[in-house]
Amino acid sequence: MSTPDVDRHGGGFASDVWVTFVRWTIKSVRNPFVLVVSLVQPIIFLVLFTQVFGGVATAALEGVSYETYLVPAIVIQVALVAAATSGIGLVNDIETGMFEKILVSPMNRTAVFLGKTLAEVVRIVVQVVIVLGLGVLLGAEIATGIAGAIAIAAICVVFSVWFTAFSNVLAVVTRDEESTIIGANLLQLPLLFVSSAFLPLPALPDWIRTVATFNPITYGVDAARAVMLGEDTMTVIEVTRFGGMWDTLVPALAVLVGLAFTFGSVAVYAIGRAASADVR
């Protein structure tokens, strides 16, 4: 009879995931500054956009308040910003030598990435709940109620995986905090503004609509917005077979899960290929 496959240090895959998850969760708790800073920009966007553009934008939204329309975009932005900071934490590990120790340990590389990602997920859920609560206070309405709020948080988690993986790949490749920050931030705002985040796509130039079709943020925002409004909101892919908001959720989640798997695989590969002799 074969024995279970275990790591040489006495644990298994689940143990490696748990150890990594606990370690990164403790780091987050001990450094609440990161949690606060990653919330500042989205909250500023939420307050300023609703106050400055609310009256003008609401007229073009056919009965939907701009607060309700904007909140899904802001929670996706929260997931994006939080995911970007994941790579910064990995760079800190590289600079302190902790990453080198992990590379030469018998810990499963996939488990290491998964445990770190789960810790990021917890932080993202906390932030999304805060922003949803603030949005409701400002006048936004979640048509699908508490179940919808939970679903929106879940969508943000699924969305965040691909950018979390991307920022970790940047960290492993650059091994430099400044380069990782620049690389992650270089994509965030441009991707947000060439998507359906802040205005309906029909109100935007043709070239932005074309870019939005290939922009992951469009699918995250549309999925969250479909749950927020309880109706089909997707404009880049025409799907009618599922009915209602599911015509948005099914294709959007299919795209997001595919991106999460692709970028997650690249991140695991990059971590696995990184040799301790190359880490400075």
Protein backbone atom coordinates (compact mmCIF):
# COMPACT_ATOMS: atom_id res chain seq x y z
CA MET A 1 0.00 0.00 0.00
CA SER A 2 1.38 3.40 -0.94
CA THR A 3 1.80 6.05 1.72
CA PRO A 4 0.28 9.52 1.43
CA ASP A 5 2.39 12.07 -0.37
CA VAL A 6 3.78 14.40 2.30
CA ASP A 7 6.47 17.02 2.34
CA ARG A 8 9.76 16.25 3.99
CA HIS A 9 9.09 18.62 6.85
CA GLY A 10 6.17 16.44 7.94
CA GLY A 11 3.25 18.38 6.54
CA GLY A 12 1.24 18.16 3.33
CA PHE A 13 -0.28 20.49 0.78
CA ALA A 14 -3.04 21.69 3.14
CA SER A 15 -0.50 22.29 5.89
CA ASP A 16 1.65 24.42 3.59
CA VAL A 17 -1.41 26.44 2.52
CA TRP A 18 -2.41 27.00 6.15
CA VAL A 19 1.06 28.00 7.33
CA THR A 20 1.42 30.48 4.47
CA PHE A 21 -2.10 31.85 4.99
CA VAL A 22 -1.52 32.42 8.73
CA ARG A 23 1.84 34.07 8.13
CA TRP A 24 0.50 36.59 5.60
CA THR A 25 -2.64 37.26 7.63
CA ILE A 26 -0.53 38.09 10.69
CA LYS A 27 1.59 40.43 8.56
CA SER A 28 -1.57 42.25 7.41
CA VAL A 29 -2.89 42.58 10.96
CA ARG A 30 0.44 43.94 12.16
CA ASN A 31 0.51 46.49 9.34
CA PRO A 32 -2.98 48.03 9.13
CA PHE A 33 -1.46 50.97 7.23
CA VAL A 34 -1.60 48.89 4.02
CA LEU A 35 -5.30 48.18 4.56
CA VAL A 36 -6.06 51.86 5.11
CA VAL A 37 -3.94 53.15 2.20
CA SER A 38 -5.43 50.70 -0.30
CA LEU A 39 -8.89 51.94 0.69
CA VAL A 40 -8.13 55.66 0.40
CA GLN A 41 -8.11 56.00 -3.40
CA PRO A 42 -11.33 54.01 -4.03
CA ILE A 43 -13.18 55.90 -1.29
CA ILE A 44 -12.02 59.23 -2.72
CA PHE A 45 -13.24 58.12 -6.16
CA LEU A 46 -16.59 57.06 -4.71
CA VAL A 47 -17.21 60.31 -2.86
CA LEU A 48 -15.86 62.70 -5.50
CA PHE A 49 -17.39 61.00 -8.53
CA THR A 50 -20.85 60.78 -6.97
CA GLN A 51 -20.73 64.40 -5.83
CA VAL A 52 -19.12 65.91 -8.95
CA PHE A 53 -20.59 63.78 -11.75
CA GLY A 54 -23.68 62.34 -10.08
CA GLY A 55 -26.19 64.84 -11.45
CA VAL A 56 -24.88 64.73 -15.02
CA ALA A 57 -24.36 60.96 -15.18
CA THR A 58 -27.69 59.99 -13.62
CA ALA A 59 -29.53 61.65 -16.53
CA ALA A 60 -27.88 59.17 -18.91
CA LEU A 61 -28.53 56.07 -16.80
CA GLU A 62 -32.26 55.59 -17.39
CA GLY A 63 -33.61 55.60 -13.86
CA VAL A 64 -30.54 54.27 -12.04
CA SER A 65 -28.80 56.59 -9.58
CA TYR A 66 -25.12 57.21 -10.23
CA GLU A 67 -24.33 56.01 -6.69
CA THR A 68 -25.84 52.62 -7.48
CA TYR A 69 -24.14 52.53 -10.87
CA LEU A 70 -20.72 53.52 -9.49
CA VAL A 71 -20.41 51.28 -6.41
CA PRO A 72 -19.72 48.09 -8.43
CA ALA A 73 -16.84 49.87 -10.18
CA ILE A 74 -15.41 51.05 -6.87
CA VAL A 75 -15.48 47.60 -5.24
CA ILE A 76 -13.66 46.19 -8.29
CA GLN A 77 -11.16 49.02 -7.92
CA VAL A 78 -10.71 48.02 -4.27
CA ALA A 79 -9.94 44.45 -5.38
CA LEU A 80 -7.52 45.79 -7.99
CA VAL A 81 -5.62 48.02 -5.56
CA ALA A 82 -5.45 45.32 -2.86
CA ALA A 83 -4.23 42.76 -5.41
CA ALA A 84 -1.50 45.16 -6.54
CA THR A 85 -0.08 45.35 -3.01
CA SER A 86 0.33 41.56 -2.95
CA GLY A 87 3.47 41.78 -5.07
CA ILE A 88 4.90 44.46 -2.78
CA GLY A 89 4.67 42.06 0.15
CA LEU A 90 6.51 39.43 -1.86
CA VAL A 91 9.28 41.92 -2.69
CA ASN A 92 9.70 42.55 1.04
CA ASP A 93 10.17 38.80 1.50
CA ILE A 94 12.78 38.79 -1.25
CA GLU A 95 14.67 41.71 0.29
CA THR A 96 14.69 40.18 3.78
CA GLY A 97 15.75 36.74 2.55
CA MET A 98 12.51 35.00 3.54
CA PHE A 99 11.68 34.17 -0.08
CA GLU A 100 15.05 32.44 -0.48
CA LYS A 101 14.34 30.30 2.55
CA ILE A 102 10.97 29.30 1.11
CA LEU A 103 12.54 28.39 -2.23
CA VAL A 104 15.03 26.00 -0.63
CA SER A 105 12.43 24.51 1.71
CA PRO A 106 10.33 21.45 0.78
CA MET A 107 7.13 23.54 0.81
CA ASN A 108 4.85 23.03 -2.17
CA ARG A 109 5.12 26.06 -4.51
CA THR A 110 1.44 25.96 -5.45
CA ALA A 111 0.50 25.84 -1.76
CA VAL A 112 2.72 28.85 -1.07
CA PHE A 113 0.96 30.90 -3.75
CA LEU A 114 -2.49 29.66 -2.72
CA GLY A 115 -1.96 30.43 0.96
CA LYS A 116 -0.75 33.92 0.18
CA THR A 117 -3.68 34.50 -2.17
CA LEU A 118 -6.20 33.35 0.46
CA ALA A 119 -4.75 35.87 2.92
CA GLU A 120 -5.22 38.58 0.29
CA VAL A 121 -8.79 37.38 -0.26
CA VAL A 122 -9.68 37.93 3.40
CA ARG A 123 -8.35 41.48 3.21
CA ILE A 124 -10.23 42.17 -0.02
CA VAL A 125 -13.53 40.92 1.44
CA VAL A 126 -13.13 43.22 4.46
CA GLN A 127 -12.46 46.19 2.20
CA VAL A 128 -15.33 45.41 -0.15
CA VAL A 129 -17.76 45.21 2.79
CA ILE A 130 -16.56 48.63 3.98
CA VAL A 131 -17.04 50.21 0.54
CA LEU A 132 -20.46 48.61 0.05
CA GLY A 133 -21.56 49.98 3.42
CA LEU A 134 -20.31 53.45 2.52
CA GLY A 135 -22.03 53.25 -0.85
CA VAL A 136 -25.36 52.41 0.77
CA LEU A 137 -24.92 55.36 3.14
CA LEU A 138 -24.39 57.61 0.11
CA GLY A 139 -27.63 56.40 -1.48
CA ALA A 140 -26.71 53.29 -3.48
CA GLU A 141 -29.21 50.42 -3.55
CA ILE A 142 -28.43 46.71 -3.81
CA ALA A 143 -31.48 45.29 -5.59
CA THR A 144 -30.58 41.71 -4.64
CA GLY A 145 -30.19 42.48 -0.91
CA ILE A 146 -27.75 40.80 1.50
CA ALA A 147 -27.33 37.79 -0.79
CA GLY A 148 -26.36 40.20 -3.53
CA ALA A 149 -23.80 41.92 -1.31
CA ILE A 150 -22.22 38.53 -0.57
CA ALA A 151 -22.23 37.70 -4.28
CA ILE A 152 -20.54 41.02 -5.12
CA ALA A 153 -17.79 40.27 -2.58
CA ALA A 154 -17.34 36.82 -4.16
CA ILE A 155 -17.08 38.37 -7.63
CA CYS A 156 -14.40 40.76 -6.36
CA VAL A 157 -12.46 37.80 -4.97
CA VAL A 158 -12.60 35.93 -8.28
CA PHE A 159 -11.62 39.09 -10.13
CA SER A 160 -8.68 39.81 -7.81
CA VAL A 161 -6.92 36.48 -8.40
CA TRP A 162 -5.57 37.35 -11.85
CA PHE A 163 -4.12 40.71 -10.75
CA THR A 164 -2.76 39.23 -7.53
CA ALA A 165 -0.93 36.66 -9.64
CA PHE A 166 0.26 39.37 -12.04
CA SER A 167 1.70 41.51 -9.24
CA ASN A 168 3.47 38.48 -7.75
CA VAL A 169 5.01 37.66 -11.13
CA LEU A 170 6.22 41.27 -11.33
CA ALA A 171 7.77 40.89 -7.88
CA VAL A 172 9.61 37.68 -8.78
CA VAL A 173 10.82 39.07 -12.11
CA THR A 174 11.89 42.54 -10.94
CA ARG A 175 12.80 41.73 -7.30
CA ASP A 176 12.40 45.45 -6.69
CA GLU A 177 9.63 47.20 -4.75
CA GLU A 178 9.65 50.39 -6.82
CA SER A 179 9.48 48.49 -10.12
CA THR A 180 6.63 46.33 -8.84
CA ILE A 181 4.64 49.36 -7.69
CA ILE A 182 5.20 51.18 -10.99
CA GLY A 183 4.33 48.13 -13.06
CA ALA A 184 1.10 47.45 -11.15
CA ASN A 185 0.01 51.09 -10.99
CA LEU A 186 0.79 51.61 -14.67
CA LEU A 187 -2.16 49.35 -15.52
CA GLN A 188 -4.70 50.20 -12.83
CA LEU A 189 -6.08 53.61 -13.81
CA PRO A 190 -5.84 53.18 -17.60
CA LEU A 191 -7.71 49.87 -17.36
CA LEU A 192 -10.39 51.45 -15.19
CA PHE A 193 -11.03 54.34 -17.56
CA VAL A 194 -11.18 52.18 -20.71
CA SER A 195 -13.88 49.94 -19.28
CA SER A 196 -17.53 50.19 -18.30
CA ALA A 197 -16.53 51.30 -14.79
CA PHE A 198 -17.53 54.95 -14.70
CA LEU A 199 -19.86 55.50 -17.67
CA PRO A 200 -21.99 53.28 -19.94
CA LEU A 201 -20.01 52.09 -22.97
CA PRO A 202 -22.50 53.55 -25.51
CA ALA A 203 -21.60 57.00 -24.14
CA LEU A 204 -17.88 56.47 -24.81
CA PRO A 205 -15.85 56.72 -28.05
CA ASP A 206 -15.74 53.70 -30.37
CA TRP A 207 -12.07 52.93 -29.66
CA ILE A 208 -12.75 52.69 -25.91
CA ARG A 209 -15.61 50.28 -26.57
CA THR A 210 -13.22 48.11 -28.58
CA VAL A 211 -10.58 48.13 -25.84
CA ALA A 212 -13.25 47.48 -23.18
CA THR A 213 -14.18 44.23 -24.91
CA PHE A 214 -10.71 42.84 -24.07
CA ASN A 215 -10.40 44.56 -20.69
CA PRO A 216 -10.80 42.24 -17.65
CA ILE A 217 -12.15 45.13 -15.58
CA THR A 218 -15.19 45.36 -17.87
CA TYR A 219 -16.18 41.80 -16.98
CA GLY A 220 -15.60 42.29 -13.25
CA VAL A 221 -17.57 45.54 -13.16
CA ASP A 222 -20.41 44.22 -15.32
CA ALA A 223 -20.75 41.10 -13.14
CA ALA A 224 -20.85 43.14 -9.92
CA ARG A 225 -23.23 45.65 -11.50
CA ALA A 226 -25.57 42.90 -12.71
CA VAL A 227 -25.92 41.68 -9.11
CA MET A 228 -26.24 45.25 -7.83
CA LEU A 229 -29.12 46.00 -10.23
CA GLY A 230 -30.53 42.48 -10.47
CA GLU A 231 -30.51 42.60 -14.27
CA ASP A 232 -28.41 41.97 -17.37
CA THR A 233 -25.82 44.75 -17.74
CA MET A 234 -23.25 43.34 -20.15
CA THR A 235 -22.73 45.31 -23.35
CA VAL A 236 -19.59 43.70 -24.82
CA ILE A 237 -20.96 40.16 -25.24
CA GLU A 238 -24.53 39.40 -26.26
CA VAL A 239 -25.87 36.42 -24.28
CA THR A 240 -29.59 35.72 -23.92
CA ARG A 241 -29.95 32.04 -23.06
CA PHE A 242 -29.73 32.25 -19.24
CA GLY A 243 -32.13 35.11 -18.49
CA GLY A 244 -31.82 38.28 -16.41
CA MET A 245 -28.57 38.99 -14.62
CA TRP A 246 -27.29 35.49 -15.44
CA ASP A 247 -26.80 36.62 -19.05
CA THR A 248 -24.06 38.82 -17.61
CA LEU A 249 -22.79 36.62 -14.79
CA VAL A 250 -22.17 33.42 -16.76
CA PRO A 251 -19.92 34.87 -19.51
CA ALA A 252 -18.26 37.38 -17.15
CA LEU A 253 -17.37 34.74 -14.56
CA ALA A 254 -16.18 32.38 -17.31
CA VAL A 255 -13.73 35.07 -18.46
CA LEU A 256 -12.59 35.90 -14.92
CA VAL A 257 -12.08 32.26 -13.92
CA GLY A 258 -10.11 31.67 -17.12
CA LEU A 259 -7.90 34.68 -16.37
CA ALA A 260 -7.43 33.57 -12.75
CA PHE A 261 -6.35 30.10 -13.85
CA THR A 262 -4.00 31.43 -16.55
CA PHE A 263 -2.27 34.09 -14.44
CA GLY A 264 -2.28 31.86 -11.37
CA SER A 265 -0.49 29.13 -13.35
CA VAL A 266 2.08 31.65 -14.55
CA ALA A 267 2.65 32.85 -10.96
CA VAL A 268 3.13 29.31 -9.65
CA TYR A 269 5.53 28.59 -12.52
CA ALA A 270 7.49 31.81 -11.84
CA ILE A 271 7.79 31.01 -8.13
CA GLY A 272 8.78 27.44 -8.88
CA ARG A 273 11.42 28.49 -11.41
CA ALA A 274 12.96 31.13 -9.19
CA ALA A 275 16.24 29.77 -7.86
CA SER A 276 17.61 30.90 -4.51
CA ALA A 277 20.90 31.84 -6.14
CA ASP A 278 19.08 34.36 -8.34
CA VAL A 279 17.30 36.11 -5.47
CA ARG A 280 19.10 39.17 -4.22
